[in-house]
């Protein structure tokens, strides 16, 4: 994510925060995404799914994904995943951000 963040710092109206921006449900249940990005007034919530091969992690992620859907955040949710060997594909992350955030 650091590499992608550096590349997007050239976009003057894009802000990527490594600090977590709180999201709330109607009942004020709190969720903290891994990253938030703000572009032209829109806020996006980014979850990096690093351990989907672990059943407990996958189950927790499915509950969290459902929470995002149930509370109206699904259209602003972005995810990335580790590769099978634990690698991170910075090019794919950048492409995802360009498509979802910058609409390129």
Protein backbone atom coordinates (compact mmCIF):
# COMPACT_ATOMS: atom_id res chain seq x y z
CA UNK A 1 0.00 0.00 0.00
CA UNK A 2 2.92 2.36 0.63
CA UNK A 3 3.96 2.20 -3.04
CA UNK A 4 0.44 2.87 -4.25
CA UNK A 5 0.10 5.74 -1.77
CA UNK A 6 3.28 7.38 -3.07
CA UNK A 7 2.08 7.10 -6.65
CA UNK A 8 -1.26 8.70 -5.82
CA UNK A 9 0.29 11.59 -3.93
CA UNK A 10 0.74 13.16 -7.37
CA UNK A 11 -3.06 13.46 -7.62
CA UNK A 12 -3.65 16.81 -5.88
CA UNK A 13 -7.24 16.19 -4.80
CA UNK A 14 -6.66 12.62 -3.56
CA UNK A 15 -5.89 12.00 0.08
CA UNK A 16 -5.00 8.52 1.33
CA UNK A 17 -4.96 8.08 5.07
CA UNK A 18 -3.17 5.26 6.80
CA UNK A 19 -5.08 6.26 9.88
CA UNK A 20 -8.46 4.69 10.09
CA UNK A 21 -11.53 6.81 9.51
CA UNK A 22 -14.36 5.53 11.66
CA UNK A 23 -17.51 4.26 9.98
CA UNK A 24 -20.77 3.83 11.86
CA UNK A 25 -24.03 1.98 11.38
CA UNK A 26 -27.43 3.44 12.14
CA UNK A 27 -27.13 1.90 15.60
CA UNK A 28 -23.67 3.50 15.97
CA UNK A 29 -21.79 0.22 15.68
CA UNK A 30 -18.21 1.15 14.83
CA UNK A 31 -15.97 -0.30 12.11
CA UNK A 32 -12.41 0.77 11.32
CA UNK A 33 -11.23 0.14 7.75
CA UNK A 34 -7.54 -0.49 7.07
CA UNK A 35 -7.28 2.71 5.02
CA UNK A 36 -9.50 5.55 3.90
CA UNK A 37 -9.11 7.63 0.76
CA UNK A 38 -10.79 10.93 -0.01
CA UNK A 39 -11.14 12.23 -3.55
CA UNK A 40 -13.22 15.21 -4.66
CA UNK A 41 -15.38 14.99 -1.55
CA UNK A 42 -16.00 11.23 -1.76
CA UNK A 43 -14.62 8.95 0.94
CA UNK A 44 -13.63 5.36 0.15
CA UNK A 45 -12.95 2.60 2.64
CA UNK A 46 -10.17 0.18 1.80
CA UNK A 47 -9.75 -3.22 3.40
CA UNK A 48 -6.63 -5.24 2.70
CA UNK A 49 -7.44 -8.91 3.11
CA UNK A 50 -4.15 -10.44 4.06
CA UNK A 51 -5.08 -13.79 5.56
CA UNK A 52 -8.09 -15.12 3.66
CA UNK A 53 -6.57 -18.60 3.72
CA UNK A 54 -7.32 -18.74 7.46
CA UNK A 55 -10.96 -19.82 8.05
CA UNK A 56 -11.45 -17.57 11.11
CA UNK A 57 -10.11 -14.53 9.22
CA UNK A 58 -12.31 -15.31 6.19
CA UNK A 59 -15.39 -15.67 8.42
CA UNK A 60 -14.62 -12.38 10.20
CA UNK A 61 -14.16 -10.69 6.83
CA UNK A 62 -17.51 -12.00 5.57
CA UNK A 63 -19.23 -10.55 8.65
CA UNK A 64 -17.46 -7.22 8.15
CA UNK A 65 -18.29 -7.20 4.40
CA UNK A 66 -21.94 -7.81 5.25
CA UNK A 67 -21.81 -4.93 7.73
CA UNK A 68 -20.52 -2.61 4.99
CA UNK A 69 -23.38 -3.72 2.72
CA UNK A 70 -26.05 -3.47 5.41
CA UNK A 71 -24.98 0.06 6.34
CA UNK A 72 -24.71 1.61 2.89
CA UNK A 73 -20.92 1.61 2.50
CA UNK A 74 -20.61 -1.17 -0.11
CA UNK A 75 -20.36 1.21 -3.07
CA UNK A 76 -17.39 2.93 -1.39
CA UNK A 77 -15.67 -0.25 -0.22
CA UNK A 78 -12.46 -1.31 -1.96
CA UNK A 79 -10.56 -4.49 -1.19
CA UNK A 80 -7.16 -5.88 -2.03
CA UNK A 81 -5.68 -9.26 -1.21
CA UNK A 82 -2.30 -10.83 -0.65
CA UNK A 83 -1.14 -13.26 -3.30
CA UNK A 84 -1.06 -16.99 -2.51
CA UNK A 85 2.58 -16.65 -1.40
CA UNK A 86 1.88 -13.58 0.78
CA UNK A 87 3.00 -11.10 -1.87
CA UNK A 88 1.34 -7.75 -2.51
CA UNK A 89 0.71 -6.69 -6.11
CA UNK A 90 1.32 -2.92 -6.05
CA UNK A 91 0.42 -2.60 -9.75
CA UNK A 92 -2.96 -4.24 -9.20
CA UNK A 93 -3.58 -2.04 -6.15
CA UNK A 94 -2.79 1.05 -8.20
CA UNK A 95 -5.08 -0.09 -11.02
CA UNK A 96 -7.87 -0.74 -8.55
CA UNK A 97 -7.49 2.73 -7.03
CA UNK A 98 -7.46 4.35 -10.47
CA UNK A 99 -10.62 2.53 -11.50
CA UNK A 100 -12.57 2.86 -8.26
CA UNK A 101 -11.40 6.20 -6.88
CA UNK A 102 -10.06 8.24 -9.78
CA UNK A 103 -12.55 6.68 -12.26
CA UNK A 104 -9.83 6.20 -14.90
